[in-house]
Amino acid sequence: MSEKGCVACHAFPDVAWPRGALGPSLENFGAQGLIAGRLPNQPGVLMQFVRDAPALVPGTAMPAMPMSDQEARDVTAYLLQLKSR
């Protein structure tokens, strides 16, 4: 998440700095039912969203993020495990 720049806009539970505030906090993302308030929070959908959010949610402030299939799988797995402890 840090290498891809996600922390510039989003807060994560295991990243102390920076704590991005432009986008929503992702600290409890795995417990959310929807991605961007519109899409079902499912692995396949999330993997597409983290790579190219504008293709799925036109007008979103989140840019398309260049990443490999493996990076997208890793980001998806990380986000889905983020739940209140």
N, C-alpha and C. Protein backbone atom coordinates (compact mmCIF):
# COMPACT_ATOMS: atom_id res chain seq x y z
N MET A 1 0.83 -1.18 0.00
CA MET A 1 0.00 0.00 0.00
C MET A 1 0.89 1.25 0.00
N SER A 2 1.94 1.18 0.75
CA SER A 2 2.85 2.33 0.80
C SER A 2 3.56 2.52 -0.54
N GLU A 3 4.03 1.43 -1.13
CA GLU A 3 4.76 1.52 -2.40
C GLU A 3 3.89 2.06 -3.53
N LYS A 4 2.63 1.75 -3.53
CA LYS A 4 1.72 2.20 -4.59
C LYS A 4 1.17 3.59 -4.33
N GLY A 5 1.43 4.15 -3.15
CA GLY A 5 0.99 5.51 -2.86
C GLY A 5 -0.40 5.59 -2.24
N CYS A 6 -0.99 4.46 -1.91
CA CYS A 6 -2.35 4.46 -1.34
C CYS A 6 -2.43 5.26 -0.04
N VAL A 7 -1.33 5.26 0.72
CA VAL A 7 -1.31 5.95 2.01
C VAL A 7 -1.36 7.47 1.86
N ALA A 8 -1.13 7.97 0.68
CA ALA A 8 -1.22 9.42 0.47
C ALA A 8 -2.65 9.91 0.60
N CYS A 9 -3.61 9.04 0.28
CA CYS A 9 -5.03 9.43 0.32
C CYS A 9 -5.85 8.69 1.38
N HIS A 10 -5.39 7.51 1.81
CA HIS A 10 -6.16 6.67 2.74
C HIS A 10 -5.38 6.40 4.02
N ALA A 11 -6.11 6.26 5.13
CA ALA A 11 -5.52 5.84 6.41
C ALA A 11 -5.65 4.33 6.53
N PHE A 12 -4.60 3.69 7.04
CA PHE A 12 -4.56 2.24 7.26
C PHE A 12 -4.17 1.98 8.71
N PRO A 13 -4.66 0.88 9.29
CA PRO A 13 -4.40 0.64 10.72
C PRO A 13 -2.94 0.38 11.06
N ASP A 14 -2.16 -0.15 10.14
CA ASP A 14 -0.78 -0.48 10.44
C ASP A 14 0.23 0.48 9.80
N VAL A 15 -0.24 1.64 9.39
CA VAL A 15 0.64 2.67 8.82
C VAL A 15 0.47 3.94 9.66
N ALA A 16 1.52 4.30 10.39
CA ALA A 16 1.44 5.45 11.28
C ALA A 16 1.52 6.78 10.53
N TRP A 17 2.31 6.81 9.45
CA TRP A 17 2.47 8.04 8.69
C TRP A 17 2.85 7.68 7.26
N PRO A 18 2.35 8.33 6.29
CA PRO A 18 1.31 9.36 6.37
C PRO A 18 -0.06 8.75 6.61
N ARG A 19 -0.96 9.56 7.09
CA ARG A 19 -2.35 9.15 7.33
C ARG A 19 -3.21 9.97 6.39
N GLY A 20 -3.32 9.52 5.17
CA GLY A 20 -4.08 10.25 4.15
C GLY A 20 -5.51 10.50 4.58
N ALA A 21 -6.04 11.65 4.19
CA ALA A 21 -7.41 12.01 4.56
C ALA A 21 -8.25 12.41 3.35
N LEU A 22 -7.66 12.41 2.17
CA LEU A 22 -8.42 12.77 0.97
C LEU A 22 -9.48 11.70 0.67
N GLY A 23 -9.09 10.45 0.75
CA GLY A 23 -10.02 9.34 0.57
C GLY A 23 -10.47 8.82 1.92
N PRO A 24 -11.41 7.90 1.94
CA PRO A 24 -11.89 7.37 3.22
C PRO A 24 -10.83 6.52 3.92
N SER A 25 -10.93 6.45 5.25
CA SER A 25 -10.09 5.54 6.00
C SER A 25 -10.46 4.11 5.58
N LEU A 26 -9.46 3.27 5.47
CA LEU A 26 -9.69 1.88 5.09
C LEU A 26 -9.45 0.94 6.26
N GLU A 27 -9.47 1.48 7.47
CA GLU A 27 -9.14 0.71 8.66
C GLU A 27 -10.11 -0.44 8.94
N ASN A 28 -11.32 -0.39 8.48
CA ASN A 28 -12.29 -1.47 8.71
C ASN A 28 -12.90 -1.91 7.37
N PHE A 29 -12.12 -1.79 6.32
CA PHE A 29 -12.64 -2.01 4.98
C PHE A 29 -13.23 -3.40 4.77
N GLY A 30 -12.60 -4.43 5.32
CA GLY A 30 -13.07 -5.80 5.11
C GLY A 30 -14.46 -6.06 5.65
N ALA A 31 -14.93 -5.24 6.56
CA ALA A 31 -16.26 -5.40 7.14
C ALA A 31 -17.33 -4.63 6.37
N GLN A 32 -16.92 -3.80 5.44
CA GLN A 32 -17.88 -3.00 4.65
C GLN A 32 -18.57 -3.87 3.61
N GLY A 33 -19.82 -3.57 3.36
CA GLY A 33 -20.57 -4.31 2.35
C GLY A 33 -20.36 -3.81 0.94
N LEU A 34 -19.96 -2.52 0.83
CA LEU A 34 -19.83 -1.92 -0.50
C LEU A 34 -18.47 -1.27 -0.69
N ILE A 35 -18.04 -1.25 -1.93
CA ILE A 35 -16.84 -0.53 -2.36
C ILE A 35 -17.32 0.80 -2.93
N ALA A 36 -16.77 1.90 -2.45
CA ALA A 36 -17.14 3.24 -2.93
C ALA A 36 -18.65 3.49 -2.82
N GLY A 37 -19.28 2.80 -1.89
CA GLY A 37 -20.71 2.98 -1.67
C GLY A 37 -21.60 2.46 -2.78
N ARG A 38 -21.03 1.73 -3.75
CA ARG A 38 -21.80 1.32 -4.93
C ARG A 38 -21.62 -0.13 -5.34
N LEU A 39 -20.46 -0.68 -5.15
CA LEU A 39 -20.13 -2.00 -5.68
C LEU A 39 -20.04 -3.03 -4.56
N PRO A 40 -20.43 -4.28 -4.81
CA PRO A 40 -20.33 -5.30 -3.77
C PRO A 40 -18.86 -5.53 -3.39
N ASN A 41 -18.61 -5.60 -2.11
CA ASN A 41 -17.25 -5.81 -1.62
C ASN A 41 -16.89 -7.29 -1.72
N GLN A 42 -16.52 -7.68 -2.94
CA GLN A 42 -16.15 -9.06 -3.25
C GLN A 42 -14.76 -9.03 -3.89
N PRO A 43 -13.99 -10.10 -3.70
CA PRO A 43 -12.61 -10.09 -4.19
C PRO A 43 -12.43 -9.72 -5.66
N GLY A 44 -13.21 -10.31 -6.56
CA GLY A 44 -13.05 -10.02 -7.99
C GLY A 44 -13.35 -8.57 -8.33
N VAL A 45 -14.39 -8.05 -7.73
CA VAL A 45 -14.76 -6.65 -7.96
C VAL A 45 -13.70 -5.73 -7.37
N LEU A 46 -13.26 -6.03 -6.17
CA LEU A 46 -12.25 -5.20 -5.51
C LEU A 46 -10.94 -5.20 -6.28
N MET A 47 -10.56 -6.34 -6.80
CA MET A 47 -9.31 -6.42 -7.57
C MET A 47 -9.38 -5.50 -8.79
N GLN A 48 -10.52 -5.49 -9.47
CA GLN A 48 -10.70 -4.58 -10.61
C GLN A 48 -10.69 -3.12 -10.15
N PHE A 49 -11.37 -2.85 -9.03
CA PHE A 49 -11.48 -1.49 -8.53
C PHE A 49 -10.13 -0.90 -8.14
N VAL A 50 -9.29 -1.67 -7.45
CA VAL A 50 -8.00 -1.11 -7.03
C VAL A 50 -7.10 -0.81 -8.22
N ARG A 51 -7.31 -1.49 -9.32
CA ARG A 51 -6.50 -1.24 -10.52
C ARG A 51 -7.05 -0.12 -11.38
N ASP A 52 -8.38 -0.04 -11.48
CA ASP A 52 -8.98 0.95 -12.39
C ASP A 52 -10.34 1.41 -11.86
N ALA A 53 -10.32 2.12 -10.76
CA ALA A 53 -11.56 2.60 -10.13
C ALA A 53 -12.42 3.42 -11.09
N PRO A 54 -11.86 4.32 -11.90
CA PRO A 54 -12.70 5.12 -12.79
C PRO A 54 -13.50 4.30 -13.80
N ALA A 55 -13.01 3.12 -14.17
CA ALA A 55 -13.75 2.28 -15.11
C ALA A 55 -15.01 1.71 -14.47
N LEU A 56 -14.98 1.52 -13.16
CA LEU A 56 -16.13 0.96 -12.45
C LEU A 56 -17.02 2.03 -11.82
N VAL A 57 -16.41 3.14 -11.41
CA VAL A 57 -17.16 4.23 -10.78
C VAL A 57 -16.73 5.53 -11.47
N PRO A 58 -17.34 5.84 -12.61
CA PRO A 58 -16.98 7.07 -13.32
C PRO A 58 -17.14 8.29 -12.40
N GLY A 59 -16.18 9.19 -12.49
CA GLY A 59 -16.22 10.41 -11.69
C GLY A 59 -15.56 10.27 -10.33
N THR A 60 -15.09 9.06 -9.97
CA THR A 60 -14.41 8.89 -8.69
C THR A 60 -13.11 9.68 -8.67
N ALA A 61 -12.70 10.10 -7.49
CA ALA A 61 -11.43 10.82 -7.35
C ALA A 61 -10.25 9.85 -7.35
N MET A 62 -10.52 8.57 -7.15
CA MET A 62 -9.43 7.58 -7.12
C MET A 62 -8.94 7.32 -8.54
N PRO A 63 -7.64 7.47 -8.74
CA PRO A 63 -7.10 7.26 -10.08
C PRO A 63 -6.91 5.78 -10.38
N ALA A 64 -6.74 5.47 -11.65
CA ALA A 64 -6.31 4.12 -12.04
C ALA A 64 -4.89 3.94 -11.49
N MET A 65 -4.63 2.76 -10.95
CA MET A 65 -3.34 2.49 -10.32
C MET A 65 -2.62 1.40 -11.11
N PRO A 66 -1.51 1.72 -11.75
CA PRO A 66 -0.79 0.69 -12.48
C PRO A 66 -0.19 -0.33 -11.52
N MET A 67 -0.61 -1.59 -11.66
CA MET A 67 -0.06 -2.66 -10.84
C MET A 67 -0.25 -3.99 -11.55
N SER A 68 0.61 -4.91 -11.20
CA SER A 68 0.54 -6.25 -11.80
C SER A 68 -0.65 -7.01 -11.22
N ASP A 69 -0.97 -8.14 -11.84
CA ASP A 69 -2.03 -9.00 -11.32
C ASP A 69 -1.72 -9.42 -9.88
N GLN A 70 -0.47 -9.79 -9.62
CA GLN A 70 -0.09 -10.23 -8.28
C GLN A 70 -0.22 -9.09 -7.27
N GLU A 71 0.20 -7.90 -7.65
CA GLU A 71 0.05 -6.75 -6.75
C GLU A 71 -1.42 -6.48 -6.46
N ALA A 72 -2.26 -6.57 -7.47
CA ALA A 72 -3.70 -6.35 -7.27
C ALA A 72 -4.28 -7.43 -6.36
N ARG A 73 -3.84 -8.68 -6.50
CA ARG A 73 -4.29 -9.75 -5.61
C ARG A 73 -3.84 -9.48 -4.17
N ASP A 74 -2.60 -9.03 -4.02
CA ASP A 74 -2.07 -8.75 -2.68
C ASP A 74 -2.82 -7.60 -2.01
N VAL A 75 -3.06 -6.53 -2.75
CA VAL A 75 -3.80 -5.39 -2.21
C VAL A 75 -5.22 -5.82 -1.84
N THR A 76 -5.86 -6.60 -2.69
CA THR A 76 -7.21 -7.09 -2.42
C THR A 76 -7.24 -7.93 -1.15
N ALA A 77 -6.31 -8.87 -1.02
CA ALA A 77 -6.26 -9.72 0.18
C ALA A 77 -6.03 -8.89 1.43
N TYR A 78 -5.14 -7.92 1.34
CA TYR A 78 -4.87 -7.06 2.49
C TYR A 78 -6.12 -6.28 2.89
N LEU A 79 -6.77 -5.65 1.94
CA LEU A 79 -7.95 -4.84 2.25
C LEU A 79 -9.07 -5.68 2.84
N LEU A 80 -9.28 -6.87 2.31
CA LEU A 80 -10.39 -7.70 2.79
C LEU A 80 -10.17 -8.23 4.20
N GLN A 81 -8.93 -8.30 4.65
CA GLN A 81 -8.68 -8.77 6.02
C GLN A 81 -8.75 -7.64 7.05
N LEU A 82 -8.92 -6.40 6.60
CA LEU A 82 -9.00 -5.28 7.54
C LEU A 82 -10.38 -5.24 8.18
N LYS A 83 -10.45 -5.68 9.42
CA LYS A 83 -11.72 -5.69 10.17
C LYS A 83 -11.43 -5.28 11.60
N SER A 84 -12.43 -4.75 12.28
CA SER A 84 -12.25 -4.37 13.68
C SER A 84 -11.77 -5.58 14.48
N ARG A 85 -10.87 -5.30 15.38
CA ARG A 85 -10.32 -6.40 16.20
C ARG A 85 -10.89 -6.37 17.58
